[in-house]
Protein backbone atom coordinates (compact mmCIF):
# COMPACT_ATOMS: atom_id res chain seq x y z
CA MET A 1 12.19 -7.56 -27.64
CA PRO A 2 14.73 -10.15 -25.26
CA GLU A 3 14.00 -13.58 -24.66
CA LEU A 4 11.62 -13.51 -21.83
CA ASP A 5 11.48 -15.82 -18.94
CA ALA A 6 7.75 -15.49 -18.62
CA ASP A 7 5.03 -13.17 -20.08
CA LEU A 8 3.66 -11.76 -17.06
CA ILE A 9 5.43 -11.58 -13.53
CA VAL A 10 3.07 -11.14 -10.66
CA ILE A 11 5.07 -9.67 -7.70
CA GLY A 12 2.93 -10.28 -4.37
CA ALA A 13 0.67 -13.38 -3.98
CA GLY A 14 -2.12 -11.77 -1.50
CA PRO A 15 -5.75 -11.86 -2.76
CA ALA A 16 -4.92 -9.34 -5.73
CA GLY A 17 -1.78 -11.13 -6.82
CA LEU A 18 -3.51 -14.66 -6.50
CA THR A 19 -6.08 -13.30 -9.06
CA ALA A 20 -4.40 -11.95 -11.23
CA ALA A 21 -2.19 -15.37 -11.56
CA GLN A 22 -5.38 -17.36 -11.98
CA TYR A 23 -6.28 -14.38 -14.57
CA GLY A 24 -3.32 -13.94 -16.61
CA ALA A 25 -2.59 -17.92 -16.63
CA ARG A 26 -6.65 -18.15 -18.15
CA ALA A 27 -5.37 -15.75 -20.56
CA ASN A 28 -2.83 -18.18 -21.94
CA LEU A 29 0.18 -16.12 -20.43
CA LYS A 30 3.04 -17.66 -19.14
CA THR A 31 2.93 -16.64 -15.40
CA LEU A 32 5.04 -16.20 -13.07
CA VAL A 33 4.15 -14.91 -9.40
CA VAL A 34 6.99 -14.07 -6.78
CA GLU A 35 6.26 -13.97 -3.01
CA GLN A 36 8.72 -13.76 -0.54
CA PHE A 37 6.12 -15.22 2.28
CA ALA A 38 3.67 -18.11 1.74
CA PRO A 39 1.16 -16.88 -0.22
CA GLY A 40 -2.48 -15.40 1.26
CA GLY A 41 -0.55 -11.77 2.85
CA GLN A 42 -2.71 -10.13 4.83
CA ALA A 43 -5.58 -11.77 4.38
CA ALA A 44 -4.28 -14.98 5.51
CA LEU A 45 -4.43 -13.44 8.89
CA ILE A 46 -8.64 -12.58 8.76
CA ASP A 47 -9.81 -14.85 10.75
CA ALA A 48 -13.62 -14.61 10.22
CA LEU A 49 -14.22 -13.32 6.59
CA GLU A 50 -17.95 -12.92 6.66
CA ASN A 51 -18.56 -10.50 3.85
CA TYR A 52 -16.61 -12.17 0.86
CA PRO A 53 -18.86 -12.88 -1.89
CA GLY A 54 -20.35 -16.31 -2.29
CA ASN A 55 -20.05 -17.28 1.87
CA VAL A 56 -23.42 -18.59 2.42
CA ASP A 57 -25.19 -21.25 4.13
CA LEU A 58 -28.42 -23.38 3.81
CA LYS A 59 -30.43 -24.04 6.93
CA SER A 60 -31.96 -27.04 6.85
CA GLY A 61 -35.46 -27.58 6.51
CA ASP A 62 -37.03 -24.26 5.44
CA GLY A 63 -33.94 -23.29 3.08
CA GLU A 64 -32.82 -20.02 4.79
CA VAL A 65 -29.85 -18.47 3.39
CA ILE A 66 -27.62 -17.10 5.88
CA ALA A 67 -24.40 -15.67 6.10
CA LYS A 68 -21.15 -17.75 6.74
CA ALA A 69 -18.11 -16.60 8.16
CA ARG A 70 -15.04 -18.48 6.18
CA GLY A 71 -11.39 -18.25 7.33
CA GLY A 72 -8.94 -15.92 5.79
CA PHE A 73 -6.13 -18.51 5.49
CA ASP A 74 -8.59 -21.05 4.00
CA LEU A 75 -9.68 -18.87 1.12
CA MET A 76 -6.24 -17.81 0.53
CA GLN A 77 -4.78 -21.20 0.14
CA ASP A 78 -8.17 -22.18 -2.10
CA MET A 79 -6.81 -18.99 -4.21
CA HIS A 80 -3.49 -20.35 -4.64
CA GLY A 81 -4.24 -23.91 -5.80
CA GLN A 82 -6.35 -22.39 -8.25
CA ALA A 83 -4.02 -20.02 -10.21
CA LYS A 84 -1.58 -23.33 -9.98
CA ALA A 85 -4.31 -25.44 -11.83
CA PHE A 86 -4.58 -22.96 -14.21
CA GLY A 87 -1.19 -22.99 -14.74
CA ALA A 88 0.60 -19.90 -12.81
CA SER A 89 4.16 -20.97 -11.47
CA PHE A 90 5.51 -19.61 -8.08
CA VAL A 91 8.75 -18.59 -6.60
CA GLY A 92 9.70 -18.30 -3.21
CA GLU A 93 12.15 -15.14 -3.23
CA THR A 94 12.25 -11.72 -2.42
CA VAL A 95 12.35 -9.24 -5.63
CA GLY A 96 15.37 -6.68 -4.79
CA ALA A 97 14.95 -4.46 -7.52
CA LEU A 98 12.69 -3.71 -10.55
CA GLU A 99 13.82 -2.04 -13.94
CA LYS A 100 12.61 -2.03 -17.45
CA GLU A 101 14.85 -2.67 -20.47
CA GLY A 102 13.09 -1.39 -23.15
CA ASP A 103 9.89 -3.26 -23.80
CA ALA A 104 10.66 -5.76 -20.78
CA PHE A 105 10.57 -5.56 -17.52
CA ALA A 106 13.71 -7.42 -15.35
CA ALA A 107 12.98 -8.27 -11.69
CA HIS A 108 15.89 -8.67 -9.77
CA LEU A 109 15.77 -11.64 -6.97
CA ALA A 110 17.64 -11.66 -3.65
CA ASP A 111 19.14 -14.68 -5.27
CA GLY A 112 21.09 -13.43 -8.04
CA ARG A 113 18.66 -14.33 -10.78
CA ALA A 114 16.64 -11.47 -12.95
CA LEU A 115 13.42 -12.79 -14.24
CA LYS A 116 12.08 -10.88 -17.20
CA ALA A 117 8.90 -10.46 -18.51
CA ALA A 118 6.81 -8.33 -21.15
CA ALA A 119 4.40 -6.95 -18.07
CA VAL A 120 4.36 -6.74 -14.61
CA VAL A 121 1.51 -6.86 -12.26
CA LEU A 122 2.77 -4.94 -8.44
CA ALA A 123 0.48 -6.75 -5.76
CA THR A 124 2.78 -6.16 -2.75
CA GLY A 125 0.21 -5.14 -0.04
CA ALA A 126 0.79 -2.81 2.54
CA SER A 127 2.59 -3.40 6.13
CA HIS A 128 1.38 -2.20 9.26
CA ARG A 129 2.72 0.72 10.90
CA LYS A 130 4.13 1.08 14.51
CA LEU A 131 2.97 3.50 16.78
CA GLY A 132 6.84 4.39 17.42
CA VAL A 133 6.30 5.16 21.00
CA PRO A 134 9.44 3.70 23.63
CA GLY A 135 8.90 0.36 24.23
CA GLU A 136 7.51 -0.61 21.03
CA GLU A 137 10.36 -2.46 19.55
CA LYS A 138 11.78 -3.49 22.91
CA PHE A 139 8.96 -5.76 23.48
CA ALA A 140 7.65 -6.63 19.88
CA GLY A 141 6.86 -10.57 20.51
CA ARG A 142 6.91 -10.14 24.25
CA GLY A 143 3.56 -8.50 24.36
CA VAL A 144 2.94 -6.34 21.84
CA SER A 145 1.94 -7.59 18.45
CA TYR A 146 0.38 -6.76 15.38
CA CYS A 147 -2.06 -9.65 14.71
CA ALA A 148 -4.14 -11.07 16.66
CA THR A 149 -5.08 -13.89 15.01
CA CYS A 150 -1.44 -14.96 15.23
CA ASP A 151 -0.87 -14.31 19.11
CA GLY A 152 -3.99 -13.81 20.33
CA ALA A 153 -4.08 -17.91 22.08
CA PHE A 154 -0.86 -16.65 24.15
CA PHE A 155 -3.10 -14.31 26.20
CA LYS A 156 -6.57 -16.60 26.99
CA GLY A 157 -7.95 -15.01 29.80
CA LYS A 158 -5.60 -11.84 30.30
CA LYS A 159 -5.50 -7.92 29.81
CA ILE A 160 -5.98 -7.35 26.44
CA PHE A 161 -5.20 -3.73 24.90
CA VAL A 162 -6.03 -3.15 21.28
CA VAL A 163 -4.80 0.10 19.71
CA GLY A 164 -6.55 1.92 16.67
CA GLY A 165 -10.39 2.73 15.35
CA GLY A 166 -10.31 1.03 11.67
CA ASP A 167 -11.96 -2.02 10.84
CA ALA A 168 -8.55 -4.03 11.79
CA ALA A 169 -8.47 -2.66 15.48
CA CYS A 170 -12.22 -3.84 15.36
CA ASP A 171 -11.90 -7.06 14.00
CA GLY A 172 -9.16 -7.56 16.24
CA ALA A 173 -10.80 -6.55 18.97
CA GLN A 174 -13.79 -9.00 18.14
CA TYR A 175 -11.51 -11.81 17.68
CA LEU A 176 -9.49 -11.72 21.11
CA SER A 177 -13.21 -10.87 22.78
CA ARG A 178 -13.17 -14.83 22.62
CA LEU A 179 -10.39 -15.23 24.42
CA SER A 180 -10.68 -13.04 27.05
CA PRO A 181 -12.90 -11.20 28.94
CA HIS A 182 -10.49 -8.41 29.39
CA VAL A 183 -10.13 -6.76 26.16
CA ILE A 184 -9.86 -2.55 26.41
CA LEU A 185 -9.73 -0.66 22.76
CA VAL A 186 -8.34 2.68 23.19
CA HIS A 187 -8.57 4.57 20.23
CA ARG A 188 -6.67 8.89 19.84
CA ARG A 189 -10.10 10.08 18.19
CA ASP A 190 -13.42 10.19 19.78
CA GLY A 191 -15.20 7.63 17.00
CA PHE A 192 -14.29 4.61 15.05
CA ARG A 193 -13.15 5.07 11.69
CA ALA A 194 -14.14 1.17 11.09
CA GLN A 195 -17.32 0.39 9.06
CA PRO A 196 -20.32 0.71 11.24
CA ALA A 197 -22.10 -2.56 11.34
CA VAL A 198 -17.96 -3.62 12.31
CA ALA A 199 -18.38 -0.54 15.40
CA ASP A 200 -21.62 -1.40 16.33
CA ARG A 201 -20.21 -5.19 17.15
CA VAL A 202 -17.64 -3.73 18.93
CA MET A 203 -19.83 -1.05 21.25
CA ARG A 204 -22.39 -3.92 21.99
CA ASN A 205 -19.62 -6.41 22.98
CA ALA A 206 -19.87 -6.91 26.32
CA ASN A 207 -16.03 -8.28 26.94
CA ILE A 208 -14.51 -5.16 25.06
CA GLU A 209 -14.41 -1.93 26.97
CA VAL A 210 -14.45 1.03 24.09
CA ARG A 211 -11.95 3.94 25.76
CA PHE A 212 -11.95 7.21 23.26
CA ASN A 213 -10.09 10.04 23.17
CA THR A 214 -7.06 7.90 24.26
CA VAL A 215 -3.83 7.44 22.75
CA VAL A 216 -0.44 5.12 24.24
CA GLU A 217 2.78 6.96 25.26
CA GLU A 218 4.67 4.22 26.56
CA ILE A 219 4.80 0.34 26.60
CA LYS A 220 6.64 -1.01 29.72
CA GLY A 221 7.82 -3.89 31.50
CA ALA A 222 10.99 -5.98 32.72
CA ARG A 223 11.23 -9.04 30.31
CA LYS A 224 8.19 -8.56 28.99
CA LEU A 225 4.91 -5.95 28.47
CA ASP A 226 3.81 -5.17 32.30
CA SER A 227 1.77 -1.76 31.73
CA LEU A 228 1.35 0.85 29.51
CA ALA A 229 1.73 5.05 30.23
CA LEU A 230 -1.89 6.09 28.75
CA ARG A 231 -2.62 9.74 27.78
CA ARG A 232 -6.62 10.83 27.64
CA GLY A 233 -6.48 14.83 27.20
CA GLU A 234 -4.76 16.05 29.87
CA GLU A 235 -4.40 13.32 32.11
CA THR A 236 -1.70 10.93 32.13
CA TYR A 237 -1.63 7.18 33.97
CA GLU A 238 -0.23 4.10 33.85
CA GLU A 239 -2.21 1.08 33.72
CA SER A 240 -1.04 -3.02 34.01
CA ALA A 241 -1.56 -5.05 30.66
CA ASP A 242 -0.62 -8.44 29.27
CA ALA A 243 -0.50 -7.38 25.87
CA VAL A 244 -1.23 -4.88 22.94
CA PHE A 245 -2.32 -5.15 19.97
CA ILE A 246 -1.59 -2.50 17.52
CA PHE A 247 -3.64 -1.73 14.43
CA ALA A 248 -2.07 1.92 13.69
CA GLY A 249 -2.41 1.69 9.95
CA MET A 250 -0.30 0.56 6.62
CA ILE A 251 2.65 1.27 4.96
CA PRO A 252 2.64 0.51 1.37
CA ARG A 253 5.15 -1.43 0.03
CA SER A 254 6.14 0.98 -3.05
CA SER A 255 9.69 1.06 -3.02
CA LEU A 256 10.03 -0.83 -5.89
CA VAL A 257 8.37 1.29 -8.40
CA SER A 258 9.72 4.52 -6.19
CA GLU A 259 13.89 3.52 -5.73
CA GLY A 260 16.23 2.74 -8.14
CA GLY A 261 15.78 3.04 -12.04
CA LEU A 262 12.04 2.32 -12.18
CA ARG A 263 9.89 5.12 -10.69
CA ALA A 264 5.77 5.34 -10.96
CA GLU A 265 3.74 8.10 -10.29
CA LEU A 266 2.72 8.07 -6.64
CA ASP A 267 0.31 9.74 -4.21
CA ALA A 268 1.22 11.77 -1.10
CA ASP A 269 1.19 8.49 1.01
CA GLY A 270 3.52 6.67 -0.95
CA TYR A 271 0.85 4.58 -2.84
CA VAL A 272 1.05 3.83 -7.02
CA VAL A 273 -1.43 5.58 -9.06
CA THR A 274 -3.24 4.20 -11.26
CA ASP A 275 -5.97 4.42 -13.62
CA GLN A 276 -9.16 2.06 -14.15
CA ARG A 277 -7.14 -0.15 -15.89
CA MET A 278 -4.94 -0.15 -13.25
CA SER A 279 -2.13 0.77 -15.29
CA SER A 280 0.87 3.12 -13.34
CA SER A 281 2.79 6.06 -15.33
CA VAL A 282 4.80 3.12 -16.36
CA PRO A 283 4.03 1.74 -19.61
CA GLY A 284 3.36 -2.46 -18.78
CA LEU A 285 3.43 -2.06 -14.70
CA PHE A 286 -0.22 -2.56 -13.76
CA VAL A 287 -0.84 -2.46 -9.72
CA ALA A 288 -3.44 -4.14 -8.19
CA GLY A 289 -4.86 -4.53 -4.12
CA ASP A 290 -3.45 -2.16 -0.91
CA VAL A 291 -0.05 -0.84 -2.69
CA ARG A 292 -2.51 1.20 -5.34
CA ALA A 293 -4.09 4.36 -4.17
CA GLY A 294 -7.69 5.02 -3.86
CA ALA A 295 -7.86 1.59 -2.78
CA PHE A 296 -10.98 0.36 -0.70
CA ARG A 297 -9.28 -2.56 1.54
CA GLN A 298 -10.94 -5.17 1.19
CA VAL A 299 -10.62 -8.78 0.02
CA VAL A 300 -13.31 -8.82 -2.58
CA VAL A 301 -11.77 -5.14 -4.16
CA ALA A 302 -7.75 -6.98 -4.05
CA ALA A 303 -9.12 -9.68 -6.10
CA GLY A 304 -11.23 -7.53 -8.37
CA GLU A 305 -8.08 -5.19 -8.73
CA GLY A 306 -5.98 -8.57 -9.71
CA ALA A 307 -8.36 -9.58 -12.72
CA VAL A 308 -8.14 -6.04 -14.46
CA ALA A 309 -4.94 -5.61 -14.17
CA ALA A 310 -4.61 -9.29 -15.42
CA HIS A 311 -6.66 -8.39 -18.08
CA SER A 312 -4.82 -5.01 -18.98
CA ALA A 313 -1.54 -6.75 -18.97
CA ALA A 314 -2.33 -9.28 -21.01
CA GLN A 315 -3.83 -6.65 -23.84
CA HIS A 316 -0.88 -4.67 -23.54
CA ILE A 317 1.20 -7.64 -24.12
CA GLU A 318 -1.02 -8.91 -27.54
CA ALA A 319 -0.58 -5.12 -28.50
CA ARG A 320 2.97 -5.70 -28.64
CA ARG A 321 3.11 -8.34 -30.73
């Protein structure tokens, strides 16, 4: 095997990648994490993470245990620091291509470098899916957003539409309802896809109006978003709006293993197929988090998958030594 820059390269620094980095480093593997953005991934944008194990508090006096919501950004910062404390190194760069040369992997960075390792954990996550309607691209950043915690503060007290019916849409609507009493959630189906507890909070929130069987046909305006063209059944109408937050699902970032020389098995939607050890169809390539097929897209699940992926990578490396 040629001289390597690391035992393990982790691509992506969301909860899956950060956990893989920690477990890889704790297994005494020289671990490099490559992340093009700030550590944390989509999880860093979560306003209140109330279902992560250990988020509890004690009421004074009677010692009653209650749930305690924690910001995703704070949790991801702690996970980043923890991985570094165990010895993982971080590289702020984009991986443009991933290849396998014999038993070693080469991650080709945008700056021209090629980092080589005996195993890789792919934890690149997924990106926001767009509606693809007229005006969406034109008004991006001028009333159109995909992140409530990032941009919600710009629209305090304004008329805000939220599009979607999953956990992300409901969580986004909940957050925005604390900034404005005029939040309208539209969903193309006749019911939510979100977890029942999450959906129930939205339905009981006086600041949120829910409209099922409704779709956005067009986003309109002059210099900024002014209105939406909506359709419900056969009826189409236009309604004023100050902002629209879109939660239409995710697209897996799996191009590193679906294009070029390295090809892993993908499912019909482009997610990477693995076994229970997080092993892909390419020996030595392990996958964790939202880019993996069949994942329950929760922070705690991504962290668990990252731990399993790093453990399996360590076994793979040891077997080849």
